[in-house]
Amino acid sequence: MGLKALGEQPGYTSSRRALLSNDQVPQPFGSSAPARGYGRDVYDNQAASAPFNGIPGGRDRGSFLSNPYDYQQDYNKSSSGSYNTGYGADYGKGQPQEGVVIMVYGLNHEDFNCEKLFNLLCCYGNPLKIKFMRSKKDTAMVEMGNGKEVSNACKYLSEANCFGTTVTIRPSKSEVLNEVHQPFELPDGTPSYKDFRHDRRLRFSTQEAAARNRIVYPTTTLHWYNAPPTMDESRLHEVFEEKGAPITGSVTVFKAKSERSSSGICEFESVDKAIEAMALVNHTPVEHAEGKPPYILKLAFYGSTKEYDERQHRGSRHHH
């Protein structure tokens, strides 16, 4: 069933917001700050960290943490069963290297580019290489990190509605995506091919980092994190509007446990608008203090697989 079946979700009531501070709910990024928690350090070292529990991660995690901490134990303690990602200590082990390429249909060159597609797919795995096809103007090929990530993209993001089209994702028969040495230009002037294999924004680069991501269907609510500590509702609206994705619902700023960064949630009138905002705003640099590197604002869909499955089940019963 396409994402249109999701419809609009009810807004967060005060009682639901109160649950956000409950210890059983994974805490937002920024609630437990890294040793060097803003600016270029965040962009270079921390971008592979997962959104919800304040746990810095990534391949260079050990290089910038001054205090040892059992992050995996904290994740296991704070995560509820409904947010189980299916990733764990065996992430990546035994995954066949065949079948790691997906075909993405329904893309128009005027609205999409490699960065926007990366911003969507990075919630479900590591999009390592992205290539828009010249001969098929609505199609792109993407090499993911492993077969599990291919399954994630096909299950959770396929049939999403974005920029007026329905994005369909299917496994490709190609085993790898070959490098393109002379890509053509897309209408916005960006190249039609990009290699992200060494990009620090990848969120599934280690077993620990992969285990911290919530794998959920797109929802009307986005979790924003890794923002400047001074971020408030007005400034967040400005950031989204400047990127062409205005927030149409409420904004919640989580109570910070540190002055290093801030996080919260923002709501949209439909799932389609939230998906467009994810493509446009995810990984936007946000200036904080003059002379200092910007924060890299990160986004993730906020919700649980259990909630989505329950809505789908109710919808199926209604149609029958």
Protein backbone atom coordinates (compact mmCIF):
# COMPACT_ATOMS: atom_id res chain seq x y z
CA MET A 1 0.00 0.00 0.00
CA GLY A 2 1.35 3.44 -0.93
CA LEU A 3 2.10 6.07 1.63
CA LYS A 4 -1.08 7.96 0.70
CA ALA A 5 -2.89 5.48 2.92
CA LEU A 6 -1.19 7.03 5.93
CA GLY A 7 -3.22 10.20 5.68
CA GLU A 8 -2.80 12.86 8.31
CA GLN A 9 -1.69 11.94 11.74
CA PRO A 10 -3.21 13.52 14.85
CA GLY A 11 -1.11 16.25 16.42
CA TYR A 12 0.85 15.65 19.55
CA THR A 13 -1.22 16.30 22.64
CA SER A 14 0.31 17.62 25.82
CA SER A 15 0.07 14.15 27.34
CA ARG A 16 1.99 12.64 24.43
CA ARG A 17 4.64 15.32 24.67
CA ALA A 18 5.00 14.54 28.32
CA LEU A 19 6.01 11.02 27.36
CA LEU A 20 9.02 12.36 25.50
CA SER A 21 10.95 12.65 28.74
CA ASN A 22 10.11 9.13 29.84
CA ASP A 23 13.21 7.01 30.36
CA GLN A 24 11.75 4.27 28.18
CA VAL A 25 11.74 6.54 25.13
CA PRO A 26 15.11 6.79 23.36
CA GLN A 27 16.46 10.23 24.13
CA PRO A 28 17.12 12.74 21.35
CA PHE A 29 20.50 13.49 19.93
CA GLY A 30 22.18 16.12 22.05
CA SER A 31 20.85 14.87 25.39
CA SER A 32 24.25 13.33 26.04
CA ALA A 33 26.89 15.48 24.41
CA PRO A 34 30.20 14.36 22.96
CA ALA A 35 33.45 15.83 24.13
CA ARG A 36 33.60 18.24 21.20
CA GLY A 37 29.99 18.66 20.27
CA TYR A 38 29.55 21.25 17.57
CA GLY A 39 30.78 22.70 14.33
CA ARG A 40 33.22 20.91 12.08
CA ASP A 41 33.85 18.17 14.62
CA VAL A 42 30.21 17.22 14.33
CA TYR A 43 30.32 17.25 10.54
CA ASP A 44 33.59 15.37 10.22
CA ASN A 45 33.39 12.83 13.02
CA GLN A 46 29.88 12.56 14.30
CA ALA A 47 27.73 12.43 11.21
CA ALA A 48 27.31 8.67 11.29
CA SER A 49 25.70 8.82 14.69
CA ALA A 50 22.08 7.81 15.07
CA PRO A 51 19.34 10.29 15.68
CA PHE A 52 17.46 9.49 18.83
CA ASN A 53 19.56 8.53 21.78
CA GLY A 54 22.28 11.13 22.02
CA ILE A 55 25.01 8.64 21.19
CA PRO A 56 27.91 9.90 19.12
CA GLY A 57 29.15 7.37 16.62
CA GLY A 58 30.81 6.85 13.28
CA ARG A 59 34.06 5.41 12.14
CA ASP A 60 36.14 8.03 13.97
CA ARG A 61 34.15 7.83 17.17
CA GLY A 62 37.12 6.91 19.36
CA SER A 63 39.20 9.84 18.12
CA PHE A 64 37.08 12.54 19.73
CA LEU A 65 35.52 11.04 22.84
CA SER A 66 37.31 11.97 26.03
CA ASN A 67 35.18 9.84 28.37
CA PRO A 68 34.74 6.10 27.71
CA TYR A 69 31.12 5.04 27.82
CA ASP A 70 29.17 1.88 27.09
CA TYR A 71 26.98 3.27 24.31
CA GLN A 72 25.60 -0.08 23.24
CA GLN A 73 24.45 -0.83 26.78
CA ASP A 74 22.77 2.58 26.97
CA TYR A 75 21.03 1.94 23.64
CA ASN A 76 19.75 -1.47 24.74
CA LYS A 77 18.48 0.00 28.00
CA SER A 78 16.71 2.98 26.49
CA SER A 79 15.15 1.42 23.40
CA SER A 80 11.72 -0.15 23.48
CA GLY A 81 10.73 -3.22 21.51
CA SER A 82 8.57 -1.23 19.10
CA TYR A 83 11.67 0.56 17.84
CA ASN A 84 13.69 -2.56 17.14
CA THR A 85 15.70 -1.97 14.00
CA GLY A 86 16.64 -5.55 13.26
CA TYR A 87 20.30 -4.55 13.39
CA GLY A 88 22.63 -5.75 16.07
CA ALA A 89 26.06 -7.15 16.75
CA ASP A 90 25.91 -9.29 13.59
CA TYR A 91 25.12 -6.34 11.32
CA GLY A 92 26.87 -6.79 8.00
CA LYS A 93 28.18 -10.28 8.79
CA GLY A 94 27.25 -12.90 6.26
CA GLN A 95 25.57 -10.35 4.00
CA PRO A 96 26.14 -11.29 0.36
CA GLN A 97 27.83 -8.65 -1.73
CA GLU A 98 25.58 -9.51 -4.67
CA GLY A 99 22.36 -7.60 -5.03
CA VAL A 100 23.37 -4.35 -3.33
CA VAL A 101 22.10 -2.09 -6.13
CA ILE A 102 18.59 -0.63 -6.27
CA MET A 103 16.66 1.01 -9.08
CA VAL A 104 14.79 4.17 -8.10
CA TYR A 105 11.97 5.17 -10.43
CA GLY A 106 9.74 8.24 -10.51
CA LEU A 107 12.51 10.83 -10.14
CA ASN A 108 12.43 13.95 -12.28
CA HIS A 109 15.69 15.75 -12.92
CA GLU A 110 14.19 19.14 -12.10
CA ASP A 111 13.39 18.28 -8.48
CA PHE A 112 15.89 15.55 -7.55
CA ASN A 113 19.66 15.32 -7.44
CA CYS A 114 22.21 13.04 -5.79
CA GLU A 115 22.21 14.93 -2.48
CA LYS A 116 18.43 14.91 -2.10
CA LEU A 117 18.24 11.20 -2.85
CA PHE A 118 21.08 10.59 -0.37
CA ASN A 119 19.14 12.55 2.28
CA LEU A 120 16.20 10.17 1.91
CA LEU A 121 18.06 6.87 1.62
CA CYS A 122 20.54 7.51 4.46
CA CYS A 123 17.73 6.77 6.96
CA TYR A 124 17.59 3.16 5.70
CA GLY A 125 21.20 2.31 4.95
CA ASN A 126 24.38 3.61 3.36
CA PRO A 127 23.80 4.95 -0.16
CA LEU A 128 27.39 4.55 -1.32
CA LYS A 129 27.08 5.60 -4.96
CA ILE A 130 24.22 7.35 -6.75
CA LYS A 131 23.83 7.64 -10.51
CA PHE A 132 21.03 9.36 -12.42
CA MET A 133 20.53 7.79 -15.83
CA ARG A 134 20.72 9.91 -18.95
CA SER A 135 18.64 7.57 -21.11
CA LYS A 136 15.85 7.10 -18.53
CA LYS A 137 15.17 10.56 -17.12
CA ASP A 138 13.01 9.33 -14.24
CA THR A 139 15.45 6.66 -13.04
CA ALA A 140 18.50 6.45 -10.78
CA MET A 141 20.71 3.57 -9.67
CA VAL A 142 22.04 3.41 -6.11
CA GLU A 143 24.59 1.05 -4.60
CA MET A 144 23.74 0.36 -0.95
CA GLY A 145 26.00 -1.10 1.72
CA ASN A 146 24.51 -4.62 1.83
CA GLY A 147 21.42 -6.69 1.11
CA LYS A 148 19.72 -5.70 4.37
CA GLU A 149 19.84 -2.05 3.38
CA VAL A 150 18.41 -2.87 -0.04
CA SER A 151 15.50 -4.58 1.72
CA ASN A 152 15.03 -1.57 3.99
CA ALA A 153 14.82 0.88 1.11
CA CYS A 154 12.42 -1.31 -0.88
CA LYS A 155 10.15 -1.97 2.10
CA TYR A 156 10.02 1.37 3.86
CA LEU A 157 10.57 4.04 1.20
CA SER A 158 9.15 2.57 -2.00
CA GLU A 159 5.87 4.14 -3.17
CA ALA A 160 6.64 7.34 -1.29
CA ASN A 161 5.16 10.49 -2.78
CA CYS A 162 7.67 13.29 -3.19
CA PHE A 163 7.66 16.43 -5.36
CA GLY A 164 4.44 15.35 -7.05
CA THR A 165 5.65 11.92 -8.14
CA THR A 166 5.58 8.42 -6.67
CA VAL A 167 9.04 7.05 -6.00
CA THR A 168 9.30 3.31 -6.60
CA ILE A 169 12.32 1.30 -5.45
CA ARG A 170 13.19 -2.18 -6.69
CA PRO A 171 16.29 -4.40 -6.45
CA SER A 172 18.53 -4.21 -9.49
CA LYS A 173 19.99 -7.15 -11.39
CA SER A 174 23.34 -5.34 -11.34
CA GLU A 175 25.77 -6.56 -8.69
CA VAL A 176 27.67 -3.26 -8.43
CA LEU A 177 27.32 0.30 -9.66
CA ASN A 178 30.33 1.22 -11.77
CA GLU A 179 31.96 4.61 -11.29
CA VAL A 180 31.06 7.35 -13.74
CA HIS A 181 34.10 9.44 -14.67
CA GLN A 182 32.26 11.98 -16.83
CA PRO A 183 28.76 12.49 -15.42
CA PHE A 184 26.35 14.84 -17.14
CA GLU A 185 24.91 17.87 -15.38
CA LEU A 186 21.45 17.85 -13.87
CA PRO A 187 19.26 20.96 -14.36
CA ASP A 188 20.46 22.48 -11.06
CA GLY A 189 24.08 22.26 -12.19
CA THR A 190 25.06 19.34 -9.94
CA PRO A 191 26.61 16.14 -11.34
CA SER A 192 24.43 13.15 -12.19
CA TYR A 193 26.78 10.80 -10.32
CA LYS A 194 28.28 11.06 -6.85
CA ASP A 195 30.42 8.74 -4.75
CA PHE A 196 29.50 8.82 -1.04
CA ARG A 197 31.66 5.90 0.09
CA HIS A 198 33.83 8.10 2.32
CA ASP A 199 31.09 10.50 3.38
CA ARG A 200 30.95 11.01 7.17
CA ARG A 201 27.17 11.45 7.04
CA LEU A 202 26.68 7.72 6.49
CA ARG A 203 24.71 6.35 9.47
CA PHE A 204 25.37 2.61 9.09
CA SER A 205 29.16 2.50 8.85
CA THR A 206 29.68 0.32 11.93
CA GLN A 207 27.65 -2.34 13.69
CA GLU A 208 27.09 0.00 16.63
CA ALA A 209 26.04 2.94 14.47
CA ALA A 210 23.63 0.78 12.46
CA ALA A 211 22.01 -0.58 15.63
CA ARG A 212 21.14 2.91 16.79
CA ASN A 213 18.97 3.83 13.80
CA ARG A 214 15.22 3.44 13.91
CA ILE A 215 14.04 1.88 10.68
CA VAL A 216 10.51 3.23 10.25
CA TYR A 217 8.14 4.22 7.49
CA PRO A 218 7.99 7.94 6.69
CA THR A 219 5.62 9.83 8.99
CA THR A 220 4.29 13.37 9.26
CA THR A 221 6.77 14.12 12.05
CA LEU A 222 10.51 14.67 11.67
CA HIS A 223 13.03 14.43 14.47
CA TRP A 224 15.65 17.19 14.15
CA TYR A 225 18.92 17.03 16.03
CA ASN A 226 22.51 18.23 16.06
CA ALA A 227 21.27 21.83 15.97
CA PRO A 228 22.87 24.84 17.69
CA PRO A 229 21.97 25.10 21.38
CA THR A 230 20.23 28.40 20.67
CA MET A 231 17.85 26.85 18.14
CA ASP A 232 14.24 27.83 18.81
CA GLU A 233 10.95 27.51 16.96
CA SER A 234 11.38 30.74 15.01
CA ARG A 235 14.88 29.90 13.79
CA LEU A 236 13.87 26.36 12.83
CA HIS A 237 11.02 27.74 10.73
CA GLU A 238 13.53 30.00 8.98
CA VAL A 239 15.88 27.12 8.18
CA PHE A 240 13.12 25.01 6.62
CA GLU A 241 11.58 27.94 4.72
CA GLU A 242 14.95 28.95 3.27
CA LYS A 243 15.24 25.43 1.80
CA GLY A 244 11.71 25.54 0.36
CA ALA A 245 10.11 23.17 2.87
CA PRO A 246 8.03 25.22 5.34
CA ILE A 247 6.94 23.53 8.55
CA THR A 248 3.13 23.40 8.54
CA GLY A 249 2.56 21.91 12.00
CA SER A 250 3.87 22.39 15.50
CA VAL A 251 7.49 22.51 16.63
CA THR A 252 8.74 21.01 19.89
CA VAL A 253 12.18 21.73 21.34
CA PHE A 254 13.32 19.00 23.71
CA LYS A 255 14.69 20.02 27.06
CA ALA A 256 18.44 19.84 26.65
CA LYS A 257 20.72 18.10 29.10
CA SER A 258 23.71 19.88 27.59
CA GLU A 259 24.49 23.29 26.17
CA ARG A 260 26.38 21.80 23.24
CA SER A 261 23.42 21.14 20.91
CA SER A 262 19.65 21.00 20.71
CA SER A 263 17.00 18.70 19.24
CA GLY A 264 13.25 18.25 18.93
CA ILE A 265 10.46 17.36 16.54
CA CYS A 266 8.47 19.24 13.91
CA GLU A 267 5.22 18.24 12.24
CA PHE A 268 3.85 18.55 8.73
CA GLU A 269 0.37 18.46 7.22
CA SER A 270 1.07 15.23 5.32
CA VAL A 271 3.61 12.46 4.93
CA ASP A 272 4.38 13.76 1.43
CA LYS A 273 5.45 17.16 2.79
CA ALA A 274 7.57 15.55 5.49
CA ILE A 275 9.37 13.43 2.86
CA GLU A 276 10.04 16.53 0.76
CA ALA A 277 11.41 18.33 3.82
CA MET A 278 13.69 15.37 4.51
CA ALA A 279 15.08 15.54 0.97
CA LEU A 280 15.56 19.32 1.06
CA VAL A 281 16.66 20.10 4.63
CA ASN A 282 18.52 17.05 5.95
CA HIS A 283 22.24 17.89 6.51
CA THR A 284 21.74 21.64 6.13
CA PRO A 285 24.58 23.72 7.66
CA VAL A 286 23.26 26.10 10.33
CA GLU A 287 25.43 29.02 11.44
CA HIS A 288 25.81 29.56 15.15
CA ALA A 289 28.67 31.83 16.16
CA GLU A 290 30.76 34.06 13.94
CA GLY A 291 34.07 32.50 13.05
CA LYS A 292 33.03 28.99 14.05
CA PRO A 293 32.05 26.10 11.74
CA PRO A 294 28.31 25.55 11.32
CA TYR A 295 26.28 22.79 12.87
CA ILE A 296 25.04 20.19 10.39
CA LEU A 297 21.31 19.84 11.07
CA LYS A 298 20.18 16.23 10.78
CA LEU A 299 16.73 14.76 10.33
CA ALA A 300 15.06 11.38 10.77
CA PHE A 301 11.47 10.20 10.57
CA TYR A 302 9.90 10.12 14.02
CA GLY A 303 7.66 7.16 14.83
CA SER A 304 7.62 3.41 15.20
CA THR A 305 7.01 0.48 12.89
CA LYS A 306 4.41 -0.82 15.33
CA GLU A 307 2.35 2.36 15.06
CA TYR A 308 2.45 2.27 11.25
CA ASP A 309 1.52 -1.41 11.07
CA GLU A 310 -1.46 -0.79 13.35
CA ARG A 311 -2.68 2.04 11.12
CA GLN A 312 -2.28 -0.10 8.01
CA HIS A 313 -4.19 -2.96 9.64
CA ARG A 314 -7.06 -0.66 10.58
CA GLY A 315 -7.10 0.74 7.04
CA SER A 316 -7.20 -2.73 5.49
CA ARG A 317 -10.11 -3.76 7.71
CA HIS A 318 -11.96 -0.59 6.77
CA HIS A 319 -11.57 -1.20 3.03
CA HIS A 320 -12.78 -4.78 3.34
